[in-house]
């Protein structure tokens, strides 16, 4: 794969949950470098798009990773191909320790433990603490660290700053920015200040379809476009 080719291509993705259509027909590509944001109002299909790519919900359409079709694969095969996932609401193992959560995520002979330790020194100090007793921000760091412990081709990251205090939002953003130097990231994020800081490209979903693509700044610098596509004022949303 050349540097100019996208790492991930999604064509005509349609997803359903319990027979109800949640993604109508989504088509986009993700560059092989940097962070691409997925934007849109609540309930338009952003999370379902990520889950559809991973095969966590019923989907149809074409999903190609580095030139290889993955839409016919089960989720564990897609993960083994190098797709890391940070789910919405963290979904850590609350009764296991921090170290045990990270150990369960390891799938390569030499996991990136030092890299994770440098990004999240607080987790090193709390490695023996039961994850369910951590703060919400610390749990989010565990969730991100699980994805970064392996060498992935792409990370799918869903609402990593939701419900976090501003200081923790900044720490999570720092970690994602550092991670993006070595792995492309597809990021679902409502915090537009985080998007402005991190994202190069942006995809806007509305009603289960892609309604706009462009650079993140192109969208966020246009007040009318931001209001029409996202229903918020760019400078007022943080």
C-alpha atoms as a PDB file:
ATOM      1  CA  UNK A   1       0.000   0.000   0.000  1.00  0.00           C
ATOM      2  CA  UNK A   2       1.420   3.389  -0.974  1.00  0.00           C
ATOM      3  CA  UNK A   3       1.303   6.354   1.392  1.00  0.00           C
ATOM      4  CA  UNK A   4      -1.295   7.976  -0.869  1.00  0.00           C
ATOM      5  CA  UNK A   5      -3.770   5.124  -0.553  1.00  0.00           C
ATOM      6  CA  UNK A   6      -6.311   5.173   2.296  1.00  0.00           C
ATOM      7  CA  UNK A   7      -5.855   2.703   5.135  1.00  0.00           C
ATOM      8  CA  UNK A   8      -9.617   2.109   5.365  1.00  0.00           C
ATOM      9  CA  UNK A   9     -12.319   2.364   2.726  1.00  0.00           C
ATOM     10  CA  UNK A  10     -16.028   1.990   3.464  1.00  0.00           C
ATOM     11  CA  UNK A  11     -18.494   1.719   0.578  1.00  0.00           C
ATOM     12  CA  UNK A  12     -22.251   1.453   0.850  1.00  0.00           C
ATOM     13  CA  UNK A  13     -22.193   0.379   4.495  1.00  0.00           C
ATOM     14  CA  UNK A  14     -25.659  -0.429   5.820  1.00  0.00           C
ATOM     15  CA  UNK A  15     -26.134  -1.583   9.407  1.00  0.00           C
ATOM     16  CA  UNK A  16     -29.090  -2.822  11.436  1.00  0.00           C
ATOM     17  CA  UNK A  17     -29.758  -3.749  15.053  1.00  0.00           C
ATOM     18  CA  UNK A  18     -32.564  -6.188  15.817  1.00  0.00           C
ATOM     19  CA  UNK A  19     -33.891  -5.638  12.312  1.00  0.00           C
ATOM     20  CA  UNK A  20     -33.950  -1.835  12.593  1.00  0.00           C
ATOM     21  CA  UNK A  21     -31.830   0.100  10.100  1.00  0.00           C
ATOM     22  CA  UNK A  22     -29.355   2.362  11.933  1.00  0.00           C
ATOM     23  CA  UNK A  23     -26.910   3.137   9.107  1.00  0.00           C
ATOM     24  CA  UNK A  24     -28.479   3.762   5.704  1.00  0.00           C
ATOM     25  CA  UNK A  25     -25.589   3.895   3.250  1.00  0.00           C
ATOM     26  CA  UNK A  26     -22.239   5.242   4.412  1.00  0.00           C
ATOM     27  CA  UNK A  27     -19.257   5.699   2.093  1.00  0.00           C
ATOM     28  CA  UNK A  28     -15.923   7.273   3.029  1.00  0.00           C
ATOM     29  CA  UNK A  29     -12.187   6.625   3.219  1.00  0.00           C
ATOM     30  CA  UNK A  30      -9.623   7.184   5.970  1.00  0.00           C
ATOM     31  CA  UNK A  31      -6.108   8.454   5.152  1.00  0.00           C
ATOM     32  CA  UNK A  32      -3.142   6.335   6.199  1.00  0.00           C
ATOM     33  CA  UNK A  33      -1.915   9.065   8.561  1.00  0.00           C
ATOM     34  CA  UNK A  34      -3.380  11.436  11.133  1.00  0.00           C
ATOM     35  CA  UNK A  35      -6.787  11.648  12.783  1.00  0.00           C
ATOM     36  CA  UNK A  36     -10.058  11.658  10.871  1.00  0.00           C
ATOM     37  CA  UNK A  37     -13.087  12.849  12.848  1.00  0.00           C
ATOM     38  CA  UNK A  38     -16.601  11.463  12.488  1.00  0.00           C
ATOM     39  CA  UNK A  39     -19.067  14.218  13.355  1.00  0.00           C
ATOM     40  CA  UNK A  40     -22.830  14.516  13.523  1.00  0.00           C
ATOM     41  CA  UNK A  41     -25.769  15.121  15.822  1.00  0.00           C
ATOM     42  CA  UNK A  42     -26.743  12.528  18.426  1.00  0.00           C
ATOM     43  CA  UNK A  43     -28.392   9.403  17.084  1.00  0.00           C
ATOM     44  CA  UNK A  44     -27.357   9.741  13.426  1.00  0.00           C
ATOM     45  CA  UNK A  45     -25.341   6.512  13.244  1.00  0.00           C
ATOM     46  CA  UNK A  46     -21.752   7.442  14.184  1.00  0.00           C
ATOM     47  CA  UNK A  47     -21.243   4.706  16.777  1.00  0.00           C
ATOM     48  CA  UNK A  48     -23.146   2.208  14.654  1.00  0.00           C
ATOM     49  CA  UNK A  49     -20.794   2.958  11.755  1.00  0.00           C
ATOM     50  CA  UNK A  50     -17.763   2.016  13.870  1.00  0.00           C
ATOM     51  CA  UNK A  51     -19.521  -1.070  15.182  1.00  0.00           C
ATOM     52  CA  UNK A  52     -20.496  -2.027  11.644  1.00  0.00           C
ATOM     53  CA  UNK A  53     -16.909  -1.751  10.429  1.00  0.00           C
ATOM     54  CA  UNK A  54     -15.910  -4.146  13.204  1.00  0.00           C
ATOM     55  CA  UNK A  55     -18.774  -6.547  12.532  1.00  0.00           C
ATOM     56  CA  UNK A  56     -20.249  -6.043  15.987  1.00  0.00           C
ATOM     57  CA  UNK A  57     -23.676  -5.464  14.421  1.00  0.00           C
ATOM     58  CA  UNK A  58     -25.257  -6.813  11.253  1.00  0.00           C
ATOM     59  CA  UNK A  59     -23.869  -5.020   8.233  1.00  0.00           C
ATOM     60  CA  UNK A  60     -23.797  -5.057   4.451  1.00  0.00           C
ATOM     61  CA  UNK A  61     -21.463  -3.219   2.121  1.00  0.00           C
ATOM     62  CA  UNK A  62     -17.743  -3.210   1.441  1.00  0.00           C
ATOM     63  CA  UNK A  63     -15.053  -2.500   4.040  1.00  0.00           C
ATOM     64  CA  UNK A  64     -11.446  -2.639   2.895  1.00  0.00           C
ATOM     65  CA  UNK A  65      -8.414  -2.456   5.208  1.00  0.00           C
ATOM     66  CA  UNK A  66      -5.096  -1.762   3.484  1.00  0.00           C
ATOM     67  CA  UNK A  67      -6.450  -3.281   0.279  1.00  0.00           C
ATOM     68  CA  UNK A  68      -8.005  -6.365   1.911  1.00  0.00           C
ATOM     69  CA  UNK A  69     -11.739  -6.941   2.185  1.00  0.00           C
ATOM     70  CA  UNK A  70     -12.702  -7.423   5.840  1.00  0.00           C
ATOM     71  CA  UNK A  71     -16.493  -7.060   5.707  1.00  0.00           C
ATOM     72  CA  UNK A  72     -16.955 -10.826   5.516  1.00  0.00           C
ATOM     73  CA  UNK A  73     -14.761 -11.500   8.558  1.00  0.00           C
ATOM     74  CA  UNK A  74     -15.883 -12.011  12.154  1.00  0.00           C
ATOM     75  CA  UNK A  75     -14.858  -9.345  14.648  1.00  0.00           C
ATOM     76  CA  UNK A  76     -11.927 -11.246  16.160  1.00  0.00           C
ATOM     77  CA  UNK A  77     -10.369 -11.705  12.711  1.00  0.00           C
ATOM     78  CA  UNK A  78     -10.742  -7.990  11.991  1.00  0.00           C
ATOM     79  CA  UNK A  79      -9.008  -7.169  15.285  1.00  0.00           C
ATOM     80  CA  UNK A  80      -6.222  -9.616  14.432  1.00  0.00           C
ATOM     81  CA  UNK A  81      -5.755  -7.763  11.127  1.00  0.00           C
ATOM     82  CA  UNK A  82      -4.818  -4.684  13.170  1.00  0.00           C
ATOM     83  CA  UNK A  83      -7.996  -2.765  13.920  1.00  0.00           C
ATOM     84  CA  UNK A  84      -7.912  -1.409  17.481  1.00  0.00           C
ATOM     85  CA  UNK A  85     -11.141  -0.292  19.142  1.00  0.00           C
ATOM     86  CA  UNK A  86     -11.882   2.078  22.019  1.00  0.00           C
ATOM     87  CA  UNK A  87     -15.632   1.657  22.610  1.00  0.00           C
ATOM     88  CA  UNK A  88     -18.053   4.252  23.856  1.00  0.00           C
ATOM     89  CA  UNK A  89     -18.544   3.971  27.650  1.00  0.00           C
ATOM     90  CA  UNK A  90     -15.118   2.284  28.062  1.00  0.00           C
ATOM     91  CA  UNK A  91     -16.333  -1.315  28.612  1.00  0.00           C
ATOM     92  CA  UNK A  92     -13.382  -2.294  30.787  1.00  0.00           C
ATOM     93  CA  UNK A  93     -13.344  -5.381  32.995  1.00  0.00           C
ATOM     94  CA  UNK A  94     -14.328  -3.698  36.252  1.00  0.00           C
ATOM     95  CA  UNK A  95     -13.452  -6.628  38.542  1.00  0.00           C
ATOM     96  CA  UNK A  96      -9.952  -7.064  37.144  1.00  0.00           C
ATOM     97  CA  UNK A  97      -6.905  -4.939  37.927  1.00  0.00           C
ATOM     98  CA  UNK A  98      -5.468  -2.379  35.557  1.00  0.00           C
ATOM     99  CA  UNK A  99      -2.598  -4.750  34.739  1.00  0.00           C
ATOM    100  CA  UNK A 100      -4.997  -7.614  34.064  1.00  0.00           C
ATOM    101  CA  UNK A 101      -7.108  -5.447  31.740  1.00  0.00           C
ATOM    102  CA  UNK A 102      -4.028  -4.569  29.721  1.00  0.00           C
ATOM    103  CA  UNK A 103      -2.689  -8.141  29.721  1.00  0.00           C
ATOM    104  CA  UNK A 104      -5.957  -9.453  28.288  1.00  0.00           C
ATOM    105  CA  UNK A 105      -5.668  -6.991  25.399  1.00  0.00           C
ATOM    106  CA  UNK A 106      -2.144  -8.075  24.415  1.00  0.00           C
ATOM    107  CA  UNK A 107      -2.065 -10.081  21.201  1.00  0.00           C
ATOM    108  CA  UNK A 108       1.536  -9.768  20.033  1.00  0.00           C
ATOM    109  CA  UNK A 109       4.792 -11.189  21.287  1.00  0.00           C
ATOM    110  CA  UNK A 110       6.225  -7.811  22.260  1.00  0.00           C
ATOM    111  CA  UNK A 111       3.365  -5.545  23.414  1.00  0.00           C
ATOM    112  CA  UNK A 112       3.969  -1.803  23.603  1.00  0.00           C
ATOM    113  CA  UNK A 113       4.061  -1.649  27.395  1.00  0.00           C
ATOM    114  CA  UNK A 114       6.706   1.076  27.606  1.00  0.00           C
ATOM    115  CA  UNK A 115       4.811   3.280  25.141  1.00  0.00           C
ATOM    116  CA  UNK A 116       1.597   2.917  27.179  1.00  0.00           C
ATOM    117  CA  UNK A 117       3.471   3.563  30.428  1.00  0.00           C
ATOM    118  CA  UNK A 118       4.920   6.790  29.030  1.00  0.00           C
ATOM    119  CA  UNK A 119       1.498   7.986  27.878  1.00  0.00           C
ATOM    120  CA  UNK A 120      -0.322   6.996  31.073  1.00  0.00           C
ATOM    121  CA  UNK A 121       2.097   7.074  34.050  1.00  0.00           C
ATOM    122  CA  UNK A 122      -0.878   7.134  36.423  1.00  0.00           C
ATOM    123  CA  UNK A 123      -1.834   3.640  35.245  1.00  0.00           C
ATOM    124  CA  UNK A 124       1.621   2.362  36.121  1.00  0.00           C
ATOM    125  CA  UNK A 125       1.118   3.523  39.697  1.00  0.00           C
ATOM    126  CA  UNK A 126      -2.331   1.932  39.758  1.00  0.00           C
ATOM    127  CA  UNK A 127      -1.482  -1.290  37.939  1.00  0.00           C
ATOM    128  CA  UNK A 128      -2.671  -3.434  40.882  1.00  0.00           C
ATOM    129  CA  UNK A 129      -5.836  -1.425  41.512  1.00  0.00           C
ATOM    130  CA  UNK A 130      -9.176  -2.978  40.599  1.00  0.00           C
ATOM    131  CA  UNK A 131     -10.348  -1.122  37.500  1.00  0.00           C
ATOM    132  CA  UNK A 132     -13.896  -0.662  38.771  1.00  0.00           C
ATOM    133  CA  UNK A 133     -12.590   1.512  41.608  1.00  0.00           C
ATOM    134  CA  UNK A 134     -10.884   3.978  39.247  1.00  0.00           C
ATOM    135  CA  UNK A 135     -12.344   7.366  38.386  1.00  0.00           C
ATOM    136  CA  UNK A 136     -14.156   7.744  35.078  1.00  0.00           C
ATOM    137  CA  UNK A 137     -11.139   9.456  33.546  1.00  0.00           C
ATOM    138  CA  UNK A 138      -8.776   6.736  34.719  1.00  0.00           C
ATOM    139  CA  UNK A 139     -11.096   4.073  33.312  1.00  0.00           C
ATOM    140  CA  UNK A 140     -11.058   5.873  29.970  1.00  0.00           C
ATOM    141  CA  UNK A 141      -7.273   5.815  30.037  1.00  0.00           C
ATOM    142  CA  UNK A 142      -7.367   2.049  30.592  1.00  0.00           C
ATOM    143  CA  UNK A 143      -9.697   1.707  27.604  1.00  0.00           C
ATOM    144  CA  UNK A 144      -7.384   3.757  25.370  1.00  0.00           C
ATOM    145  CA  UNK A 145      -4.295   1.972  26.705  1.00  0.00           C
ATOM    146  CA  UNK A 146      -5.784  -1.428  25.807  1.00  0.00           C
ATOM    147  CA  UNK A 147      -5.986  -0.327  22.176  1.00  0.00           C
ATOM    148  CA  UNK A 148      -2.482   1.145  22.165  1.00  0.00           C
ATOM    149  CA  UNK A 149      -0.788  -1.895  23.729  1.00  0.00           C
ATOM    150  CA  UNK A 150      -0.652  -3.491  20.271  1.00  0.00           C
ATOM    151  CA  UNK A 151       0.731  -2.341  16.933  1.00  0.00           C
ATOM    152  CA  UNK A 152      -2.445  -1.580  14.983  1.00  0.00           C
ATOM    153  CA  UNK A 153      -3.034  -0.463  11.420  1.00  0.00           C
ATOM    154  CA  UNK A 154      -5.865   1.821  12.534  1.00  0.00           C
ATOM    155  CA  UNK A 155      -7.688   2.772  15.732  1.00  0.00           C
ATOM    156  CA  UNK A 156     -11.444   3.268  15.918  1.00  0.00           C
ATOM    157  CA  UNK A 157     -12.077   5.531  18.913  1.00  0.00           C
ATOM    158  CA  UNK A 158     -15.632   6.290  20.039  1.00  0.00           C
ATOM    159  CA  UNK A 159     -16.393   9.345  22.213  1.00  0.00           C
ATOM    160  CA  UNK A 160     -13.223   9.127  24.360  1.00  0.00           C
ATOM    161  CA  UNK A 161     -13.822  12.430  26.188  1.00  0.00           C
ATOM    162  CA  UNK A 162     -17.522  12.004  26.958  1.00  0.00           C
ATOM    163  CA  UNK A 163     -18.354  12.899  30.554  1.00  0.00           C
ATOM    164  CA  UNK A 164     -14.769  13.695  31.546  1.00  0.00           C
ATOM    165  CA  UNK A 165     -13.454  16.705  33.454  1.00  0.00           C
ATOM    166  CA  UNK A 166     -11.554  19.273  31.336  1.00  0.00           C
ATOM    167  CA  UNK A 167      -8.157  18.268  32.751  1.00  0.00           C
ATOM    168  CA  UNK A 168      -8.759  14.607  31.862  1.00  0.00           C
ATOM    169  CA  UNK A 169     -10.098  15.585  28.430  1.00  0.00           C
ATOM    170  CA  UNK A 170      -6.767  17.291  27.771  1.00  0.00           C
ATOM    171  CA  UNK A 171      -4.813  14.223  28.927  1.00  0.00           C
ATOM    172  CA  UNK A 172      -6.816  11.874  26.720  1.00  0.00           C
ATOM    173  CA  UNK A 173      -6.394  14.256  23.770  1.00  0.00           C
ATOM    174  CA  UNK A 174      -2.644  14.372  24.426  1.00  0.00           C
ATOM    175  CA  UNK A 175      -2.501  10.572  24.320  1.00  0.00           C
ATOM    176  CA  UNK A 176      -4.459  10.359  21.072  1.00  0.00           C
ATOM    177  CA  UNK A 177      -2.305  13.044  19.478  1.00  0.00           C
ATOM    178  CA  UNK A 178       0.839  11.127  20.405  1.00  0.00           C
ATOM    179  CA  UNK A 179      -0.629   7.826  19.228  1.00  0.00           C
ATOM    180  CA  UNK A 180      -1.607   9.344  15.880  1.00  0.00           C
ATOM    181  CA  UNK A 181       2.069   9.854  15.062  1.00  0.00           C
ATOM    182  CA  UNK A 182       2.350   6.109  14.526  1.00  0.00           C
ATOM    183  CA  UNK A 183      -1.195   4.919  13.731  1.00  0.00           C
ATOM    184  CA  UNK A 184      -4.127   6.550  11.892  1.00  0.00           C
ATOM    185  CA  UNK A 185      -7.235   7.139  14.005  1.00  0.00           C
ATOM    186  CA  UNK A 186     -10.922   7.291  13.096  1.00  0.00           C
ATOM    187  CA  UNK A 187     -12.399   9.347  15.927  1.00  0.00           C
ATOM    188  CA  UNK A 188     -16.033   9.857  16.879  1.00  0.00           C
ATOM    189  CA  UNK A 189     -16.050  12.971  19.051  1.00  0.00           C
ATOM    190  CA  UNK A 190     -18.624  15.569  20.128  1.00  0.00           C
ATOM    191  CA  UNK A 191     -16.163  17.960  21.762  1.00  0.00           C
ATOM    192  CA  UNK A 192     -15.393  20.336  18.900  1.00  0.00           C
ATOM    193  CA  UNK A 193     -12.392  21.870  20.638  1.00  0.00           C
ATOM    194  CA  UNK A 194     -10.832  18.399  20.739  1.00  0.00           C
ATOM    195  CA  UNK A 195     -11.739  17.889  17.076  1.00  0.00           C
ATOM    196  CA  UNK A 196     -10.211  21.226  16.125  1.00  0.00           C
ATOM    197  CA  UNK A 197      -7.010  20.352  17.951  1.00  0.00           C
ATOM    198  CA  UNK A 198      -6.608  16.775  16.715  1.00  0.00           C
ATOM    199  CA  UNK A 199      -8.349  16.146  13.412  1.00  0.00           C
ATOM    200  CA  UNK A 200      -7.134  16.817   9.916  1.00  0.00           C
ATOM    201  CA  UNK A 201     -10.083  15.464   7.949  1.00  0.00           C
ATOM    202  CA  UNK A 202     -13.711  15.150   8.995  1.00  0.00           C
ATOM    203  CA  UNK A 203     -16.721  13.116   7.917  1.00  0.00           C
ATOM    204  CA  UNK A 204     -20.192  14.325   8.877  1.00  0.00           C
ATOM    205  CA  UNK A 205     -22.993  11.775   9.190  1.00  0.00           C
ATOM    206  CA  UNK A 206     -26.657  12.721   9.159  1.00  0.00           C
ATOM    207  CA  UNK A 207     -29.590  10.343   9.101  1.00  0.00           C
ATOM    208  CA  UNK A 208     -27.368   7.314   8.621  1.00  0.00           C
ATOM    209  CA  UNK A 209     -25.565   8.778   5.581  1.00  0.00           C
ATOM    210  CA  UNK A 210     -22.449  10.836   4.947  1.00  0.00           C
ATOM    211  CA  UNK A 211     -23.636  14.384   4.291  1.00  0.00           C
ATOM    212  CA  UNK A 212     -20.308  16.220   4.163  1.00  0.00           C
ATOM    213  CA  UNK A 213     -16.573  15.525   3.940  1.00  0.00           C
ATOM    214  CA  UNK A 214     -13.680  17.940   4.118  1.00  0.00           C
ATOM    215  CA  UNK A 215     -11.064  19.203   6.515  1.00  0.00           C
ATOM    216  CA  UNK A 216     -12.075  19.611  10.143  1.00  0.00           C
ATOM    217  CA  UNK A 217     -11.155  23.294  10.098  1.00  0.00           C
ATOM    218  CA  UNK A 218     -13.197  23.899   6.954  1.00  0.00           C
ATOM    219  CA  UNK A 219     -16.287  22.781   8.846  1.00  0.00           C
ATOM    220  CA  UNK A 220     -15.511  24.331  12.219  1.00  0.00           C
ATOM    221  CA  UNK A 221     -14.403  27.673  10.778  1.00  0.00           C
ATOM    222  CA  UNK A 222     -17.722  28.027   8.949  1.00  0.00           C
ATOM    223  CA  UNK A 223     -20.323  28.992  11.544  1.00  0.00           C
ATOM    224  CA  UNK A 224     -23.290  28.424   9.225  1.00  0.00           C
ATOM    225  CA  UNK A 225     -21.979  25.026   8.108  1.00  0.00           C
ATOM    226  CA  UNK A 226     -21.320  23.938  11.696  1.00  0.00           C
ATOM    227  CA  UNK A 227     -24.794  24.985  12.784  1.00  0.00           C
ATOM    228  CA  UNK A 228     -26.469  23.301   9.814  1.00  0.00           C
ATOM    229  CA  UNK A 229     -24.545  20.014  10.022  1.00  0.00           C
ATOM    230  CA  UNK A 230     -24.055  19.680  13.776  1.00  0.00           C
ATOM    231  CA  UNK A 231     -26.706  21.893  15.321  1.00  0.00           C
ATOM    232  CA  UNK A 232     -24.185  23.785  17.472  1.00  0.00           C
ATOM    233  CA  UNK A 233     -22.087  26.947  17.400  1.00  0.00           C
ATOM    234  CA  UNK A 234     -18.445  26.020  16.847  1.00  0.00           C
ATOM    235  CA  UNK A 235     -16.962  28.648  19.170  1.00  0.00           C
ATOM    236  CA  UNK A 236     -19.481  27.945  21.943  1.00  0.00           C
ATOM    237  CA  UNK A 237     -19.029  24.178  22.030  1.00  0.00           C
ATOM    238  CA  UNK A 238     -16.216  22.798  24.150  1.00  0.00           C
END
